[in-house]
PDB file of all heavy atoms in Angstrom:
ATOM      1  N   ASN A   1     101.396 113.711 104.730  1.00  0.00           N
ATOM      2  CA  ASN A   1     101.513 114.654 103.605  1.00  0.00           C
ATOM      3  C   ASN A   1     101.207 113.968 102.311  1.00  0.00           C
ATOM      4  O   ASN A   1     101.797 112.942 101.942  1.00  0.00           O
ATOM      5  CB  ASN A   1     103.019 115.135 103.631  1.00  0.00           C
ATOM      6  CG  ASN A   1     103.192 116.209 102.644  1.00  0.00           C
ATOM      7  OD1 ASN A   1     103.151 116.007 101.404  1.00  0.00           O
ATOM      8  ND2 ASN A   1     103.409 117.439 103.059  1.00  0.00           N
ATOM      9  N   ILE A   2     100.188 114.554 101.648  1.00  0.00           N
ATOM     10  CA  ILE A   2      99.745 113.952 100.361  1.00  0.00           C
ATOM     11  C   ILE A   2      99.768 115.045  99.292  1.00  0.00           C
ATOM     12  O   ILE A   2      99.158 116.066  99.309  1.00  0.00           O
ATOM     13  CB  ILE A   2      98.334 113.384 100.437  1.00  0.00           C
ATOM     14  CG1 ILE A   2      98.237 112.287 101.495  1.00  0.00           C
ATOM     15  CG2 ILE A   2      97.882 112.921  99.098  1.00  0.00           C
ATOM     16  CD1 ILE A   2      96.903 111.615 101.642  1.00  0.00           C
ATOM     17  N   ASN A   3     100.744 114.798  98.343  1.00  0.00           N
ATOM     18  CA  ASN A   3     100.956 115.834  97.283  1.00  0.00           C
ATOM     19  C   ASN A   3     101.125 117.193  97.776  1.00  0.00           C
ATOM     20  O   ASN A   3     100.591 118.167  97.279  1.00  0.00           O
ATOM     21  CB  ASN A   3      99.803 115.778  96.340  1.00  0.00           C
ATOM     22  CG  ASN A   3      99.780 114.603  95.330  1.00  0.00           C
ATOM     23  OD1 ASN A   3     100.827 113.991  95.115  1.00  0.00           O
ATOM     24  ND2 ASN A   3      98.671 114.134  94.884  1.00  0.00           N
ATOM     25  N   GLY A   4     101.905 117.300  98.925  1.00  0.00           N
ATOM     26  CA  GLY A   4     102.234 118.539  99.483  1.00  0.00           C
ATOM     27  C   GLY A   4     101.242 119.207 100.417  1.00  0.00           C
ATOM     28  O   GLY A   4     101.412 120.243 100.994  1.00  0.00           O
ATOM     29  N   MET A   5     100.120 118.461 100.685  1.00  0.00           N
ATOM     30  CA  MET A   5      99.105 118.949 101.568  1.00  0.00           C
ATOM     31  C   MET A   5      99.190 118.155 102.921  1.00  0.00           C
ATOM     32  O   MET A   5      99.388 116.940 102.923  1.00  0.00           O
ATOM     33  CB  MET A   5      97.678 118.821 101.000  1.00  0.00           C
ATOM     34  CG  MET A   5      97.351 119.881 100.026  1.00  0.00           C
ATOM     35  SD  MET A   5      95.537 119.888  99.612  1.00  0.00           S
ATOM     36  CE  MET A   5      95.511 121.406  98.688  1.00  0.00           C
ATOM     37  N   SER A   6      98.920 118.919 103.987  1.00  0.00           N
ATOM     38  CA  SER A   6      98.916 118.220 105.311  1.00  0.00           C
ATOM     39  C   SER A   6      97.462 117.648 105.544  1.00  0.00           C
ATOM     40  O   SER A   6      96.451 118.361 105.450  1.00  0.00           O
ATOM     41  CB  SER A   6      99.310 119.180 106.442  1.00  0.00           C
ATOM     42  OG  SER A   6      99.248 118.586 107.707  1.00  0.00           O
ATOM     43  N   ILE A   7      97.425 116.347 105.890  1.00  0.00           N
ATOM     44  CA  ILE A   7      96.160 115.726 106.120  1.00  0.00           C
ATOM     45  C   ILE A   7      96.222 114.978 107.422  1.00  0.00           C
ATOM     46  O   ILE A   7      97.135 114.355 107.799  1.00  0.00           O
ATOM     47  CB  ILE A   7      95.878 114.648 104.960  1.00  0.00           C
ATOM     48  CG1 ILE A   7      95.898 115.375 103.632  1.00  0.00           C
ATOM     49  CG2 ILE A   7      94.633 113.853 105.191  1.00  0.00           C
ATOM     50  CD1 ILE A   7      94.787 116.333 103.346  1.00  0.00           C
ATOM     51  N   ARG A   8      95.110 115.074 108.244  1.00  0.00           N
ATOM     52  CA  ARG A   8      95.099 114.397 109.515  1.00  0.00           C
ATOM     53  C   ARG A   8      94.450 112.957 109.313  1.00  0.00           C
ATOM     54  O   ARG A   8      93.495 112.811 108.505  1.00  0.00           O
ATOM     55  CB  ARG A   8      94.390 115.138 110.568  1.00  0.00           C
ATOM     56  CG  ARG A   8      92.831 115.053 110.637  1.00  0.00           C
ATOM     57  CD  ARG A   8      92.366 115.767 111.909  1.00  0.00           C
ATOM     58  NE  ARG A   8      90.970 115.710 111.938  1.00  0.00           N
ATOM     59  CZ  ARG A   8      90.198 116.301 112.916  1.00  0.00           C
ATOM     60  NH1 ARG A   8      90.892 117.210 113.680  1.00  0.00           N
ATOM     61  NH2 ARG A   8      88.898 116.271 112.947  1.00  0.00           N
ATOM     62  N   VAL A   9      95.063 112.038 109.983  1.00  0.00           N
ATOM     63  CA  VAL A   9      94.588 110.655 109.913  1.00  0.00           C
ATOM     64  C   VAL A   9      93.929 110.317 111.272  1.00  0.00           C
ATOM     65  O   VAL A   9      94.584 110.288 112.295  1.00  0.00           O
ATOM     66  CB  VAL A   9      95.714 109.632 109.645  1.00  0.00           C
ATOM     67  CG1 VAL A   9      95.192 108.220 109.616  1.00  0.00           C
ATOM     68  CG2 VAL A   9      96.401 110.034 108.305  1.00  0.00           C
ATOM     69  N   SER A  10      92.594 110.077 111.282  1.00  0.00           N
ATOM     70  CA  SER A  10      91.895 109.813 112.454  1.00  0.00           C
ATOM     71  C   SER A  10      91.586 108.292 112.504  1.00  0.00           C
ATOM     72  O   SER A  10      91.821 107.509 111.480  1.00  0.00           O
ATOM     73  CB  SER A  10      90.597 110.571 112.536  1.00  0.00           C
ATOM     74  OG  SER A  10      89.783 110.175 111.488  1.00  0.00           O
ATOM     75  N   PRO A  11      91.088 107.722 113.655  1.00  0.00           N
ATOM     76  CA  PRO A  11      90.843 106.273 113.635  1.00  0.00           C
ATOM     77  C   PRO A  11      89.693 105.857 112.664  1.00  0.00           C
ATOM     78  O   PRO A  11      89.633 104.657 112.347  1.00  0.00           O
ATOM     79  CB  PRO A  11      90.444 106.063 115.060  1.00  0.00           C
ATOM     80  CG  PRO A  11      90.093 107.324 115.612  1.00  0.00           C
ATOM     81  CD  PRO A  11      90.953 108.372 114.932  1.00  0.00           C
ATOM     82  N   TYR A  12      88.909 106.784 112.210  1.00  0.00           N
ATOM     83  CA  TYR A  12      87.779 106.456 111.411  1.00  0.00           C
ATOM     84  C   TYR A  12      87.966 106.965 109.925  1.00  0.00           C
ATOM     85  O   TYR A  12      87.117 106.846 109.124  1.00  0.00           O
ATOM     86  CB  TYR A  12      86.549 107.061 111.875  1.00  0.00           C
ATOM     87  CG  TYR A  12      86.620 108.483 112.460  1.00  0.00           C
ATOM     88  CD1 TYR A  12      86.681 109.585 111.675  1.00  0.00           C
ATOM     89  CD2 TYR A  12      86.693 108.628 113.911  1.00  0.00           C
ATOM     90  CE1 TYR A  12      86.872 110.845 112.177  1.00  0.00           C
ATOM     91  CE2 TYR A  12      86.911 109.964 114.396  1.00  0.00           C
ATOM     92  CZ  TYR A  12      86.981 111.010 113.601  1.00  0.00           C
ATOM     93  OH  TYR A  12      87.098 112.269 114.072  1.00  0.00           O
ATOM     94  N   SER A  13      89.138 107.520 109.670  1.00  0.00           N
ATOM     95  CA  SER A  13      89.371 108.083 108.278  1.00  0.00           C
ATOM     96  C   SER A  13      89.464 106.946 107.272  1.00  0.00           C
ATOM     97  O   SER A  13      90.081 105.898 107.509  1.00  0.00           O
ATOM     98  CB  SER A  13      90.640 108.889 108.184  1.00  0.00           C
ATOM     99  OG  SER A  13      90.636 109.993 109.091  1.00  0.00           O
ATOM    100  N   PHE A  14      88.962 107.233 106.050  1.00  0.00           N
ATOM    101  CA  PHE A  14      89.274 106.289 104.905  1.00  0.00           C
ATOM    102  C   PHE A  14      90.641 106.776 104.370  1.00  0.00           C
ATOM    103  O   PHE A  14      90.829 107.980 104.220  1.00  0.00           O
ATOM    104  CB  PHE A  14      88.162 106.393 103.800  1.00  0.00           C
ATOM    105  CG  PHE A  14      88.609 105.737 102.496  1.00  0.00           C
ATOM    106  CD1 PHE A  14      88.605 104.402 102.365  1.00  0.00           C
ATOM    107  CD2 PHE A  14      89.199 106.513 101.502  1.00  0.00           C
ATOM    108  CE1 PHE A  14      89.071 103.843 101.149  1.00  0.00           C
ATOM    109  CE2 PHE A  14      89.615 105.971 100.317  1.00  0.00           C
ATOM    110  CZ  PHE A  14      89.536 104.588 100.146  1.00  0.00           C
ATOM    111  N   SER A  15      91.446 105.796 104.006  1.00  0.00           N
ATOM    112  CA  SER A  15      92.698 106.147 103.257  1.00  0.00           C
ATOM    113  C   SER A  15      92.951 104.967 102.349  1.00  0.00           C
ATOM    114  O   SER A  15      92.807 103.782 102.666  1.00  0.00           O
ATOM    115  CB  SER A  15      93.940 106.444 104.135  1.00  0.00           C
ATOM    116  OG  SER A  15      94.152 105.299 104.965  1.00  0.00           O
ATOM    117  N   TYR A  16      93.475 105.305 101.094  1.00  0.00           N
ATOM    118  CA  TYR A  16      93.942 104.169 100.285  1.00  0.00           C
ATOM    119  C   TYR A  16      95.130 103.647 100.914  1.00  0.00           C
ATOM    120  O   TYR A  16      96.022 104.306 101.509  1.00  0.00           O
ATOM    121  CB  TYR A  16      94.298 104.795  98.875  1.00  0.00           C
ATOM    122  CG  TYR A  16      93.199 105.218  98.033  1.00  0.00           C
ATOM    123  CD1 TYR A  16      92.816 106.635  97.879  1.00  0.00           C
ATOM    124  CD2 TYR A  16      92.321 104.308  97.448  1.00  0.00           C
ATOM    125  CE1 TYR A  16      91.739 106.946  97.121  1.00  0.00           C
ATOM    126  CE2 TYR A  16      91.182 104.695  96.752  1.00  0.00           C
ATOM    127  CZ  TYR A  16      90.969 106.045  96.512  1.00  0.00           C
ATOM    128  OH  TYR A  16      89.881 106.408  95.807  1.00  0.00           O
ATOM    129  N   VAL A  17      95.278 102.225 100.833  1.00  0.00           N
ATOM    130  CA  VAL A  17      96.299 101.533 101.507  1.00  0.00           C
ATOM    131  C   VAL A  17      97.669 101.718 100.947  1.00  0.00           C
ATOM    132  O   VAL A  17      98.732 101.502 101.603  1.00  0.00           O
ATOM    133  CB  VAL A  17      96.087  99.983 101.572  1.00  0.00           C
ATOM    134  CG1 VAL A  17      94.772  99.726 102.288  1.00  0.00           C
ATOM    135  CG2 VAL A  17      96.033  99.404 100.184  1.00  0.00           C
ATOM    136  N   ASN A  18      97.745 102.303  99.767  1.00  0.00           N
ATOM    137  CA  ASN A  18      99.047 102.463  99.056  1.00  0.00           C
ATOM    138  C   ASN A  18      99.183 103.996  98.813  1.00  0.00           C
ATOM    139  O   ASN A  18      98.709 104.531  97.781  1.00  0.00           O
ATOM    140  CB  ASN A  18      99.112 101.673  97.778  1.00  0.00           C
ATOM    141  CG  ASN A  18     100.447 101.712  97.061  1.00  0.00           C
ATOM    142  OD1 ASN A  18     101.310 102.579  97.311  1.00  0.00           O
ATOM    143  ND2 ASN A  18     100.706 100.720  96.262  1.00  0.00           N
ATOM    144  N   LYS A  19      99.839 104.702  99.805  1.00  0.00           N
ATOM    145  CA  LYS A  19      99.904 106.106  99.722  1.00  0.00           C
ATOM    146  C   LYS A  19     100.564 106.683  98.414  1.00  0.00           C
ATOM    147  O   LYS A  19     100.059 107.675  97.790  1.00  0.00           O
ATOM    148  CB  LYS A  19     100.630 106.683 100.927  1.00  0.00           C
ATOM    149  CG  LYS A  19     100.608 108.206 101.038  1.00  0.00           C
ATOM    150  CD  LYS A  19     102.036 108.715 100.907  1.00  0.00           C
ATOM    151  CE  LYS A  19     102.028 110.311 101.077  1.00  0.00           C
ATOM    152  NZ  LYS A  19     103.366 110.781 101.079  1.00  0.00           N
ATOM    153  N   LYS A  20     101.602 106.081  98.039  1.00  0.00           N
ATOM    154  CA  LYS A  20     102.333 106.517  96.814  1.00  0.00           C
ATOM    155  C   LYS A  20     101.472 106.551  95.554  1.00  0.00           C
ATOM    156  O   LYS A  20     101.465 107.350  94.665  1.00  0.00           O
ATOM    157  CB  LYS A  20     103.565 105.753  96.500  1.00  0.00           C
ATOM    158  CG  LYS A  20     104.633 105.772  97.611  1.00  0.00           C
ATOM    159  CD  LYS A  20     105.310 107.132  97.626  1.00  0.00           C
ATOM    160  CE  LYS A  20     106.456 107.183  98.623  1.00  0.00           C
ATOM    161  NZ  LYS A  20     106.919 108.556  98.805  1.00  0.00           N
ATOM    162  N   VAL A  21     100.643 105.429  95.469  1.00  0.00           N
ATOM    163  CA  VAL A  21      99.662 105.336  94.307  1.00  0.00           C
ATOM    164  C   VAL A  21      98.452 106.222  94.504  1.00  0.00           C
ATOM    165  O   VAL A  21      97.834 106.658  93.558  1.00  0.00           O
ATOM    166  CB  VAL A  21      99.357 103.906  94.078  1.00  0.00           C
ATOM    167  CG1 VAL A  21      98.467 103.768  92.848  1.00  0.00           C
ATOM    168  CG2 VAL A  21     100.587 103.058  93.898  1.00  0.00           C
ATOM    169  N   ALA A  22      98.079 106.503  95.775  1.00  0.00           N
ATOM    170  CA  ALA A  22      96.936 107.358  96.015  1.00  0.00           C
ATOM    171  C   ALA A  22      97.307 108.706  95.452  1.00  0.00           C
ATOM    172  O   ALA A  22      96.419 109.378  94.925  1.00  0.00           O
ATOM    173  CB  ALA A  22      96.696 107.442  97.536  1.00  0.00           C
ATOM    174  N   GLU A  23      98.519 109.133  95.597  1.00  0.00           N
ATOM    175  CA  GLU A  23      98.912 110.496  95.088  1.00  0.00           C
ATOM    176  C   GLU A  23      98.793 110.457  93.579  1.00  0.00           C
ATOM    177  O   GLU A  23      98.407 111.498  92.960  1.00  0.00           O
ATOM    178  CB  GLU A  23     100.368 110.749  95.487  1.00  0.00           C
ATOM    179  CG  GLU A  23     100.506 111.014  97.020  1.00  0.00           C
ATOM    180  CD  GLU A  23     101.923 111.454  97.429  1.00  0.00           C
ATOM    181  OE1 GLU A  23     102.814 110.744  96.931  1.00  0.00           O
ATOM    182  OE2 GLU A  23     102.022 112.299  98.257  1.00  0.00           O
ATOM    183  N   VAL A  24      99.117 109.346  92.911  1.00  0.00           N
ATOM    184  CA  VAL A  24      98.943 109.208  91.469  1.00  0.00           C
ATOM    185  C   VAL A  24      97.504 109.354  91.196  1.00  0.00           C
ATOM    186  O   VAL A  24      97.133 110.052  90.197  1.00  0.00           O
ATOM    187  CB  VAL A  24      99.545 108.016  91.028  1.00  0.00           C
ATOM    188  CG1 VAL A  24      99.222 107.711  89.493  1.00  0.00           C
ATOM    189  CG2 VAL A  24     101.052 107.933  91.255  1.00  0.00           C
TER     190      VAL A  24
END
């Protein structure tokens, strides 16, 4: 859940390593 949105995480997805700051 990112800023209230449901997001799927796949084995190949990019994601920022710090979720709290990614929301910022």
